[in-house]
Amino acid sequence: MKNYFDIFLIIVAIIIIPDATAQIPGEDSKQKSVTVTISLTGEMQVEHVIEDLNVPSQIELINGTKSYLTVKDQEGNSVQYGEIGGDSLMILPSDNETIIEYDLENELTLKDNVWTLDFFYLESTAFIFPKKVNLIFVNNQPAYLGEKDGIVCHGCKMFLEFSMDEPKIFESVKIQDSKFLIEIRTVDKINQFIFDPSKGISFEVIDGGKWVTTILPVNLLSKPYQVFLDDEKIRFQTTFNNDTHVWLNMKPQNSGEISIIGTLVPEIKISPEESIQLEVIVVGIIIIGAVITGIFFLKRKKI
């Protein structure tokens, strides 16, 4: 398809290069959409949908190693094109939309069960994630996907982080007859979970430098929240908050004890037996105080 097109490309390039700036991303782009679909195994499949073209047009692709490149119209017919420098295509005029598809290789990096991507592309780009991914981090900002398939990045310069098999730790807290379930999501290691009604919850992170998401029942601890690493207050963000739970996200830079302090919601009730015991203790303290006071005055009278 490209063999006889190369000669045409040389002629056309001279004619349209002065107007090529009208085709670069971010200006008068001919692209209707750009979609990056990420698979469960970390492959990135890219689709560009191009408007019907009246003149040959230069289309910028996403930078990176590409494979399985196809250029077809919306009916599946091949469209003539020429490559320019590996990251651009020259597309010939067409009465139909043109669809460019390819795979990006080795752009996503997996380390310690976390996928990362350093991405730059000036076109608005949609990212579609696997269903099991519902929390991502973009430029150190958490984004909760929930039931949505993904995000749209406008004028896209981002550092993306996400995990597909993030470990989930569940801790049960009991206050009298009520039980509350706290969930911690992180690829870090967690030890020594403690709930203290006067202080909130605490646990130890072993490695540090990794995202930690704590999902709290709002009828156990409510705002305002404070988060500490050992004795130092650290930054946290709330990504999701509904009538039942709040998601607190933090990234402690070092290992240590994470403490989350909030307002304890349940009213701690005293049982009748505990009430009697408390009354006995109070009465005992009063009697002991009275005795000590009496002895003190008797000694003063003798003096």
Protein backbone atom coordinates (compact mmCIF):
# COMPACT_ATOMS: atom_id res chain seq x y z
CA MET A 1 0.00 0.00 0.00
CA LYS A 2 2.88 2.37 0.83
CA ASN A 3 5.25 1.51 -2.08
CA TYR A 4 3.81 3.78 -4.74
CA PHE A 5 2.64 6.25 -2.11
CA ASP A 6 6.20 7.34 -1.17
CA ILE A 7 6.70 9.37 -4.36
CA PHE A 8 3.34 11.06 -3.84
CA LEU A 9 4.27 11.81 -0.25
CA ILE A 10 7.38 13.76 -1.30
CA ILE A 11 5.31 15.97 -3.62
CA VAL A 12 2.47 16.40 -1.17
CA ALA A 13 4.81 17.21 1.73
CA ILE A 14 6.16 20.23 -0.12
CA ILE A 15 2.64 21.47 -0.73
CA ILE A 16 1.20 20.95 2.75
CA ILE A 17 4.15 21.43 5.10
CA PRO A 18 3.49 25.19 5.39
CA ASP A 19 0.02 24.29 6.71
CA ALA A 20 1.18 21.36 8.81
CA THR A 21 0.88 23.34 12.04
CA ALA A 22 -2.87 23.21 11.56
CA GLN A 23 -2.69 19.44 12.07
CA ILE A 24 -0.52 19.21 15.20
CA PRO A 25 -2.27 18.11 18.41
CA GLY A 26 -3.81 20.88 20.44
CA GLU A 27 -4.72 23.13 17.48
CA ASP A 28 -6.98 22.33 14.51
CA SER A 29 -6.72 18.61 14.99
CA LYS A 30 -8.51 16.20 12.68
CA GLN A 31 -8.79 13.58 15.41
CA LYS A 32 -12.26 12.85 16.77
CA SER A 33 -10.96 10.64 19.54
CA VAL A 34 -7.86 8.94 20.92
CA THR A 35 -8.35 5.90 23.15
CA VAL A 36 -5.75 3.85 25.03
CA THR A 37 -7.04 0.52 26.33
CA ILE A 38 -4.96 -1.23 28.97
CA SER A 39 -5.26 -4.99 29.28
CA LEU A 40 -5.00 -7.19 32.36
CA THR A 41 -1.43 -8.07 31.39
CA GLY A 42 -0.34 -4.47 30.81
CA GLU A 43 -0.58 -4.20 27.03
CA MET A 44 -1.61 -0.83 25.60
CA GLN A 45 -3.83 -0.78 22.52
CA VAL A 46 -4.30 2.61 20.86
CA GLU A 47 -7.08 3.76 18.55
CA HIS A 48 -7.23 7.12 16.72
CA VAL A 49 -10.48 8.04 14.98
CA ILE A 50 -9.87 10.64 12.25
CA GLU A 51 -12.52 12.79 10.63
CA ASP A 52 -13.14 12.44 6.90
CA LEU A 53 -10.33 14.35 5.16
CA ASN A 54 -10.56 16.67 2.16
CA VAL A 55 -6.79 17.08 1.85
CA PRO A 56 -3.82 14.92 2.82
CA SER A 57 -3.25 15.43 6.55
CA GLN A 58 -0.48 14.71 9.01
CA ILE A 59 -1.63 12.80 12.11
CA GLU A 60 0.56 12.67 15.19
CA LEU A 61 0.72 9.29 16.93
CA ILE A 62 1.66 8.58 20.53
CA ASN A 63 5.40 8.37 21.03
CA GLY A 64 6.82 4.91 21.64
CA THR A 65 7.56 1.55 20.04
CA LYS A 66 4.59 0.52 17.93
CA SER A 67 3.48 -2.81 16.53
CA TYR A 68 0.49 -4.16 14.55
CA LEU A 69 -0.19 -0.78 12.93
CA THR A 70 -3.32 -0.69 10.76
CA VAL A 71 -4.98 2.20 8.93
CA LYS A 72 -8.52 1.54 7.72
CA ASP A 73 -11.75 3.37 7.15
CA GLN A 74 -14.83 2.75 9.28
CA GLU A 75 -15.98 0.04 6.85
CA GLY A 76 -12.73 -1.89 7.25
CA ASN A 77 -11.13 -0.91 3.95
CA SER A 78 -7.42 -0.11 3.87
CA VAL A 79 -6.49 3.59 3.65
CA GLN A 80 -3.34 4.82 1.91
CA TYR A 81 -0.82 6.44 4.23
CA GLY A 82 2.86 7.19 4.65
CA GLU A 83 5.01 7.20 7.78
CA ILE A 84 6.83 10.35 8.86
CA GLY A 85 9.60 9.80 11.39
CA GLY A 86 7.90 6.91 13.17
CA ASP A 87 5.46 9.02 15.22
CA SER A 88 3.42 10.64 12.43
CA LEU A 89 1.37 9.45 9.49
CA MET A 90 0.36 11.26 6.33
CA ILE A 91 -3.21 10.20 5.52
CA LEU A 92 -4.70 10.63 2.04
CA PRO A 93 -8.14 12.23 1.58
CA SER A 94 -11.10 10.02 2.41
CA ASP A 95 -14.87 10.34 2.40
CA ASN A 96 -15.09 8.18 5.53
CA GLU A 97 -13.60 8.33 8.97
CA THR A 98 -10.16 6.77 9.25
CA ILE A 99 -9.28 4.47 12.14
CA ILE A 100 -5.62 4.04 13.11
CA GLU A 101 -4.82 1.20 15.49
CA TYR A 102 -1.56 -0.07 16.98
CA ASP A 103 -0.04 -1.50 20.15
CA LEU A 104 2.44 0.42 22.28
CA GLU A 105 5.17 -1.85 23.58
CA ASN A 106 7.09 -1.63 26.88
CA GLU A 107 5.57 1.69 27.91
CA LEU A 108 3.88 0.42 31.07
CA THR A 109 6.34 -0.66 33.77
CA LEU A 110 5.51 -3.17 36.52
CA LYS A 111 7.36 -3.00 39.84
CA ASP A 112 6.24 -4.34 43.22
CA ASN A 113 2.77 -5.05 41.79
CA VAL A 114 2.33 -1.41 40.70
CA TRP A 115 2.03 -0.38 37.04
CA THR A 116 3.47 3.02 36.10
CA LEU A 117 3.33 5.08 32.91
CA ASP A 118 5.06 8.36 32.10
CA PHE A 119 2.80 9.75 29.38
CA PHE A 120 2.86 12.86 27.21
CA TYR A 121 0.50 13.58 24.32
CA LEU A 122 -1.22 16.87 23.60
CA GLU A 123 -4.46 15.40 22.26
CA SER A 124 -7.27 14.65 24.69
CA THR A 125 -6.83 10.94 25.38
CA ALA A 126 -9.21 8.45 26.97
CA PHE A 127 -7.70 5.66 29.09
CA ILE A 128 -9.74 2.49 29.59
CA PHE A 129 -8.72 0.21 32.47
CA PRO A 130 -9.57 -3.41 33.33
CA LYS A 131 -12.68 -3.85 35.46
CA LYS A 132 -10.68 -4.83 38.55
CA VAL A 133 -9.01 -1.40 38.66
CA ASN A 134 -11.15 1.13 40.54
CA LEU A 135 -8.47 3.42 41.99
CA ILE A 136 -5.64 5.10 40.08
CA PHE A 137 -3.13 7.83 40.87
CA VAL A 138 -2.43 10.61 38.36
CA ASN A 139 0.45 12.99 39.10
CA ASN A 140 0.27 11.93 42.76
CA GLN A 141 -3.47 12.63 42.89
CA PRO A 142 -5.84 9.71 43.59
CA ALA A 143 -8.81 9.20 41.28
CA TYR A 144 -11.64 6.83 42.17
CA LEU A 145 -13.13 5.13 39.11
CA GLY A 146 -15.97 3.26 40.77
CA GLU A 147 -18.19 1.88 38.01
CA LYS A 148 -16.56 4.02 35.31
CA ASP A 149 -14.32 2.47 32.68
CA GLY A 150 -11.57 5.07 32.83
CA ILE A 151 -10.57 8.72 32.52
CA VAL A 152 -10.04 11.38 29.85
CA CYS A 153 -6.77 13.24 30.03
CA HIS A 154 -6.83 16.70 28.37
CA GLY A 155 -3.55 18.01 26.96
CA CYS A 156 -2.18 14.92 28.57
CA LYS A 157 1.04 15.06 30.57
CA MET A 158 0.74 12.61 33.41
CA PHE A 159 2.52 10.09 35.58
CA LEU A 160 0.09 7.23 36.07
CA GLU A 161 0.15 4.60 38.84
CA PHE A 162 -2.27 1.75 39.49
CA SER A 163 -2.42 -1.83 40.72
CA MET A 164 -4.55 -4.68 39.39
CA ASP A 165 -4.05 -7.10 42.27
CA GLU A 166 -3.64 -4.79 45.23
CA PRO A 167 -3.71 -6.71 48.54
CA LYS A 168 -6.67 -5.94 50.79
CA ILE A 169 -6.42 -6.20 54.55
CA PHE A 170 -9.58 -6.32 56.66
CA GLU A 171 -9.63 -5.45 60.36
CA SER A 172 -12.68 -5.79 62.59
CA VAL A 173 -13.32 -3.30 65.39
CA LYS A 174 -15.87 -4.05 68.10
CA ILE A 175 -17.41 -1.44 70.35
CA GLN A 176 -19.74 -3.17 72.76
CA ASP A 177 -22.42 -4.83 70.57
CA SER A 178 -21.42 -3.08 67.32
CA LYS A 179 -18.83 -4.35 64.83
CA PHE A 180 -17.09 -2.21 62.22
CA LEU A 181 -14.96 -3.42 59.30
CA ILE A 182 -11.94 -1.36 58.24
CA GLU A 183 -10.23 -2.08 54.90
CA ILE A 184 -6.63 -1.21 54.05
CA ARG A 185 -5.41 -1.45 50.44
CA THR A 186 -1.69 -1.27 49.74
CA VAL A 187 1.21 -3.19 48.23
CA ASP A 188 3.17 -2.28 51.36
CA LYS A 189 3.28 -4.65 54.33
CA ILE A 190 1.04 -3.80 57.29
CA ASN A 191 1.61 -4.84 60.91
CA GLN A 192 0.26 -4.10 64.39
CA PHE A 193 -3.21 -2.78 63.66
CA ILE A 194 -4.65 -1.11 66.78
CA PHE A 195 -7.94 0.65 67.47
CA ASP A 196 -8.03 3.05 70.39
CA PRO A 197 -11.35 4.89 71.00
CA SER A 198 -9.44 7.91 72.29
CA LYS A 199 -6.93 8.02 69.41
CA GLY A 200 -8.47 6.35 66.37
CA ILE A 201 -6.65 3.63 64.42
CA SER A 202 -2.98 2.95 63.90
CA PHE A 203 -0.87 0.43 61.99
CA GLU A 204 2.71 0.00 60.92
CA VAL A 205 3.93 0.30 57.31
CA ILE A 206 7.11 -1.69 56.69
CA ASP A 207 8.54 -0.23 53.48
CA GLY A 208 7.18 3.28 52.97
CA GLY A 209 7.03 5.15 49.69
CA LYS A 210 3.88 3.31 48.58
CA TRP A 211 0.26 4.34 48.40
CA VAL A 212 -1.96 3.29 51.31
CA THR A 213 -5.75 3.52 51.03
CA THR A 214 -7.77 3.18 54.23
CA ILE A 215 -11.53 2.69 53.87
CA LEU A 216 -13.28 3.73 57.08
CA PRO A 217 -16.93 3.36 58.12
CA VAL A 218 -18.17 6.90 58.69
CA ASN A 219 -20.32 5.69 61.58
CA LEU A 220 -17.12 4.67 63.37
CA LEU A 221 -14.78 7.59 62.68
CA SER A 222 -15.98 10.81 61.11
CA LYS A 223 -14.24 13.99 60.02
CA PRO A 224 -12.24 16.03 60.69
CA TYR A 225 -9.42 13.56 60.07
CA GLN A 226 -5.72 13.87 60.78
CA VAL A 227 -3.01 11.46 59.62
CA PHE A 228 0.40 11.05 61.22
CA LEU A 229 3.54 9.08 60.37
CA ASP A 230 4.98 8.45 63.81
CA ASP A 231 4.66 11.92 65.39
CA GLU A 232 4.69 13.94 62.15
CA LYS A 233 1.48 15.03 60.45
CA ILE A 234 1.43 13.95 56.78
CA ARG A 235 -0.69 14.82 53.78
CA PHE A 236 -3.69 12.69 52.85
CA GLN A 237 -6.50 12.94 50.32
CA THR A 238 -10.12 11.84 50.30
CA THR A 239 -11.05 10.15 47.03
CA PHE A 240 -14.49 8.80 47.79
CA ASN A 241 -17.06 9.56 50.45
CA ASN A 242 -20.63 8.33 50.60
CA ASP A 243 -23.16 7.70 53.33
CA THR A 244 -21.29 4.67 54.65
CA HIS A 245 -17.54 4.90 53.96
CA VAL A 246 -14.73 7.32 53.33
CA TRP A 247 -11.51 6.53 51.40
CA LEU A 248 -8.37 8.14 52.81
CA ASN A 249 -5.24 7.96 50.62
CA MET A 250 -1.71 8.65 51.82
CA LYS A 251 1.83 7.95 50.65
CA PRO A 252 4.19 7.80 53.63
CA GLN A 253 7.74 8.32 52.42
CA ASN A 254 9.25 6.15 55.14
CA SER A 255 8.38 3.14 57.25
CA GLY A 256 6.75 3.79 60.61
CA GLU A 257 3.43 3.96 62.41
CA ILE A 258 0.47 5.48 60.60
CA SER A 259 -2.15 7.01 62.90
CA ILE A 260 -5.56 8.14 61.66
CA ILE A 261 -7.43 10.34 64.10
CA GLY A 262 -11.06 11.33 63.70
CA THR A 263 -14.22 11.84 65.70
CA LEU A 264 -15.48 8.66 67.34
CA VAL A 265 -19.15 8.35 66.38
CA PRO A 266 -20.57 5.47 68.50
CA GLU A 267 -21.75 6.41 71.97
CA ILE A 268 -20.02 4.17 74.49
CA LYS A 269 -22.78 2.96 76.80
CA ILE A 270 -22.22 1.57 80.28
CA SER A 271 -24.04 -1.65 81.21
CA PRO A 272 -25.94 -1.90 84.54
CA GLU A 273 -23.23 -4.16 85.97
CA GLU A 274 -20.51 -1.70 84.91
CA SER A 275 -22.61 1.15 86.33
CA ILE A 276 -22.85 -0.56 89.75
CA GLN A 277 -19.12 -1.27 89.71
CA LEU A 278 -18.40 2.35 88.84
CA GLU A 279 -20.69 3.57 91.65
CA VAL A 280 -18.95 1.28 94.15
CA ILE A 281 -15.56 2.60 93.04
CA VAL A 282 -16.72 6.22 93.31
CA VAL A 283 -18.25 5.64 96.77
CA GLY A 284 -15.06 3.88 97.89
CA ILE A 285 -12.95 6.81 96.71
CA ILE A 286 -15.22 9.24 98.60
CA ILE A 287 -15.02 7.18 101.82
CA ILE A 288 -11.25 6.87 101.59
CA GLY A 289 -11.00 10.61 100.99
CA ALA A 290 -13.22 11.32 104.00
CA VAL A 291 -11.14 9.05 106.24
CA ILE A 292 -7.89 10.64 105.17
CA THR A 293 -9.35 14.11 105.74
CA GLY A 294 -10.59 13.10 109.23
CA ILE A 295 -7.22 11.72 110.21
CA PHE A 296 -5.56 14.91 108.99
CA PHE A 297 -7.82 17.14 111.19
CA LEU A 298 -7.38 14.87 114.26
CA LYS A 299 -3.63 15.18 113.98
CA ARG A 300 -3.89 18.96 113.72
CA LYS A 301 -6.05 19.12 116.91
CA LYS A 302 -3.49 17.06 118.85
CA ILE A 303 -0.78 19.44 117.78
